[in-house]
Amino acid sequence: MSNLLYVLIPILFFTVVGLLLGLKDRKLRSTESYVDEFSRARQAMAGSKSGGVADPKEGRGAG
């Protein structure tokens, strides 16, 4: 059993450290930003009837 601890302790340690680093570096987003992202993706897949950009703020030149 003690031999197994030499393997389990480092695995647990690096798992916890990895999760903490992953959670620390993630970008916090609101629910509204997820809805906006979904809406933009849906509009991009649907295209526009006029053939132009649906929203001038979201054009390629805007950055």
N, C-alpha and C. Protein backbone atom coordinates (compact mmCIF):
# COMPACT_ATOMS: atom_id res chain seq x y z
N MET A 1 0.82 -1.20 0.00
CA MET A 1 0.00 0.00 0.00
C MET A 1 0.86 1.26 0.00
N SER A 2 1.96 1.25 0.77
CA SER A 2 2.80 2.44 0.83
C SER A 2 3.50 2.68 -0.51
N ASN A 3 3.78 1.61 -1.26
CA ASN A 3 4.37 1.80 -2.58
C ASN A 3 3.39 2.48 -3.53
N LEU A 4 2.14 2.21 -3.35
CA LEU A 4 1.12 2.82 -4.19
C LEU A 4 0.99 4.32 -3.90
N LEU A 5 1.25 4.73 -2.68
CA LEU A 5 1.17 6.14 -2.32
C LEU A 5 2.21 6.97 -3.07
N TYR A 6 3.37 6.38 -3.39
CA TYR A 6 4.39 7.09 -4.15
C TYR A 6 3.89 7.44 -5.56
N VAL A 7 2.93 6.72 -6.03
CA VAL A 7 2.37 7.00 -7.34
C VAL A 7 1.13 7.89 -7.21
N LEU A 8 0.28 7.61 -6.26
CA LEU A 8 -0.98 8.35 -6.13
C LEU A 8 -0.79 9.79 -5.67
N ILE A 9 0.13 10.02 -4.76
CA ILE A 9 0.32 11.39 -4.25
C ILE A 9 0.75 12.34 -5.36
N PRO A 10 1.76 12.01 -6.18
CA PRO A 10 2.10 12.94 -7.28
C PRO A 10 0.98 13.12 -8.29
N ILE A 11 0.23 12.06 -8.56
CA ILE A 11 -0.89 12.18 -9.50
C ILE A 11 -1.93 13.15 -8.94
N LEU A 12 -2.28 13.01 -7.70
CA LEU A 12 -3.25 13.92 -7.07
C LEU A 12 -2.72 15.35 -7.03
N PHE A 13 -1.45 15.49 -6.68
CA PHE A 13 -0.86 16.82 -6.60
C PHE A 13 -0.91 17.53 -7.95
N PHE A 14 -0.45 16.87 -9.00
CA PHE A 14 -0.42 17.51 -10.31
C PHE A 14 -1.82 17.71 -10.89
N THR A 15 -2.75 16.87 -10.52
CA THR A 15 -4.14 17.07 -10.94
C THR A 15 -4.71 18.34 -10.31
N VAL A 16 -4.48 18.51 -9.02
CA VAL A 16 -4.98 19.71 -8.33
C VAL A 16 -4.30 20.96 -8.87
N VAL A 17 -2.98 20.91 -9.06
CA VAL A 17 -2.26 22.07 -9.59
C VAL A 17 -2.75 22.39 -11.00
N GLY A 18 -2.94 21.39 -11.82
CA GLY A 18 -3.44 21.61 -13.18
C GLY A 18 -4.82 22.23 -13.20
N LEU A 19 -5.69 21.76 -12.34
CA LEU A 19 -7.04 22.34 -12.26
C LEU A 19 -6.99 23.78 -11.79
N LEU A 20 -6.16 24.06 -10.80
CA LEU A 20 -6.04 25.44 -10.30
C LEU A 20 -5.50 26.37 -11.37
N LEU A 21 -4.50 25.94 -12.10
CA LEU A 21 -3.95 26.78 -13.17
C LEU A 21 -4.96 26.96 -14.29
N GLY A 22 -5.69 25.93 -14.61
CA GLY A 22 -6.70 26.04 -15.66
C GLY A 22 -7.83 26.97 -15.27
N LEU A 23 -8.25 26.90 -14.03
CA LEU A 23 -9.33 27.78 -13.58
C LEU A 23 -8.86 29.22 -13.43
N LYS A 24 -7.60 29.41 -13.06
CA LYS A 24 -7.07 30.75 -12.88
C LYS A 24 -6.97 31.48 -14.21
N ASP A 25 -6.58 30.78 -15.26
CA ASP A 25 -6.33 31.41 -16.55
C ASP A 25 -7.56 31.51 -17.44
N ARG A 26 -8.65 30.94 -17.03
CA ARG A 26 -9.82 30.99 -17.91
C ARG A 26 -10.43 32.39 -17.89
N LYS A 27 -11.08 32.73 -18.99
CA LYS A 27 -11.70 34.03 -19.12
C LYS A 27 -13.12 33.96 -18.55
N LEU A 28 -13.41 34.82 -17.60
CA LEU A 28 -14.74 34.85 -17.01
C LEU A 28 -15.70 35.48 -18.01
N ARG A 29 -16.85 34.86 -18.18
CA ARG A 29 -17.83 35.34 -19.14
C ARG A 29 -19.22 35.29 -18.51
N SER A 30 -20.04 36.21 -18.93
CA SER A 30 -21.41 36.23 -18.46
C SER A 30 -22.28 35.35 -19.36
N THR A 31 -23.47 35.08 -18.90
CA THR A 31 -24.42 34.31 -19.70
C THR A 31 -24.75 35.05 -20.99
N GLU A 32 -24.81 36.37 -20.91
CA GLU A 32 -25.14 37.18 -22.08
C GLU A 32 -24.08 37.02 -23.17
N SER A 33 -22.82 36.89 -22.79
CA SER A 33 -21.77 36.73 -23.80
C SER A 33 -21.91 35.40 -24.53
N TYR A 34 -22.35 34.34 -23.82
CA TYR A 34 -22.59 33.06 -24.47
C TYR A 34 -23.75 33.17 -25.47
N VAL A 35 -24.79 33.90 -25.10
CA VAL A 35 -25.94 34.08 -25.99
C VAL A 35 -25.52 34.87 -27.22
N ASP A 36 -24.70 35.93 -27.02
CA ASP A 36 -24.24 36.73 -28.15
C ASP A 36 -23.37 35.90 -29.09
N GLU A 37 -22.50 35.09 -28.52
CA GLU A 37 -21.63 34.24 -29.34
C GLU A 37 -22.46 33.25 -30.16
N PHE A 38 -23.47 32.67 -29.53
CA PHE A 38 -24.35 31.74 -30.25
C PHE A 38 -25.09 32.45 -31.37
N SER A 39 -25.57 33.66 -31.10
CA SER A 39 -26.30 34.42 -32.10
C SER A 39 -25.40 34.76 -33.28
N ARG A 40 -24.16 35.17 -33.02
CA ARG A 40 -23.23 35.48 -34.11
C ARG A 40 -22.93 34.24 -34.95
N ALA A 41 -22.74 33.11 -34.29
CA ALA A 41 -22.46 31.88 -35.03
C ALA A 41 -23.65 31.47 -35.87
N ARG A 42 -24.85 31.63 -35.33
CA ARG A 42 -26.06 31.27 -36.07
C ARG A 42 -26.23 32.17 -37.29
N GLN A 43 -25.96 33.48 -37.12
CA GLN A 43 -26.07 34.40 -38.25
C GLN A 43 -25.02 34.10 -39.31
N ALA A 44 -23.83 33.71 -38.87
CA ALA A 44 -22.77 33.39 -39.83
C ALA A 44 -23.12 32.16 -40.64
N MET A 45 -23.73 31.17 -40.01
CA MET A 45 -24.11 29.96 -40.73
C MET A 45 -25.28 30.21 -41.67
N ALA A 46 -26.17 31.10 -41.27
CA ALA A 46 -27.35 31.38 -42.08
C ALA A 46 -27.01 32.29 -43.26
N GLY A 47 -26.00 33.14 -43.11
CA GLY A 47 -25.68 34.10 -44.17
C GLY A 47 -26.68 35.24 -44.14
N SER A 48 -26.51 36.16 -45.04
CA SER A 48 -27.47 37.26 -45.11
C SER A 48 -28.10 37.30 -46.49
N LYS A 49 -29.31 37.80 -46.58
CA LYS A 49 -30.05 37.82 -47.84
C LYS A 49 -29.45 38.82 -48.82
N SER A 50 -28.88 39.93 -48.32
CA SER A 50 -28.34 40.95 -49.20
C SER A 50 -26.93 40.61 -49.67
N GLY A 51 -26.30 39.62 -49.05
CA GLY A 51 -24.95 39.24 -49.44
C GLY A 51 -23.88 40.03 -48.72
N GLY A 52 -24.27 41.00 -47.92
CA GLY A 52 -23.30 41.82 -47.18
C GLY A 52 -23.20 41.38 -45.74
N VAL A 53 -22.52 42.19 -44.97
CA VAL A 53 -22.38 41.91 -43.54
C VAL A 53 -23.65 42.37 -42.84
N ALA A 54 -24.22 41.52 -41.99
CA ALA A 54 -25.48 41.83 -41.34
C ALA A 54 -25.34 43.00 -40.37
N ASP A 55 -24.23 43.07 -39.66
CA ASP A 55 -24.01 44.11 -38.66
C ASP A 55 -22.69 44.80 -39.00
N PRO A 56 -22.69 46.10 -39.28
CA PRO A 56 -21.45 46.77 -39.67
C PRO A 56 -20.37 46.70 -38.59
N LYS A 57 -20.75 46.59 -37.32
CA LYS A 57 -19.76 46.51 -36.24
C LYS A 57 -18.98 45.20 -36.32
N GLU A 58 -19.55 44.17 -36.93
CA GLU A 58 -18.91 42.86 -36.97
C GLU A 58 -18.22 42.58 -38.30
N GLY A 59 -17.94 43.61 -39.07
CA GLY A 59 -17.28 43.44 -40.35
C GLY A 59 -15.82 43.06 -40.17
N ARG A 60 -15.18 42.70 -41.29
CA ARG A 60 -13.78 42.27 -41.21
C ARG A 60 -12.86 43.42 -40.85
N GLY A 61 -13.18 44.62 -41.27
CA GLY A 61 -12.31 45.77 -41.00
C GLY A 61 -12.34 46.21 -39.55
N ALA A 62 -13.41 45.86 -38.85
CA ALA A 62 -13.51 46.28 -37.45
C ALA A 62 -12.60 45.41 -36.63
N GLY A 63 -11.84 46.02 -35.76
CA GLY A 63 -10.94 45.17 -35.01
C GLY A 63 -10.73 45.72 -33.69
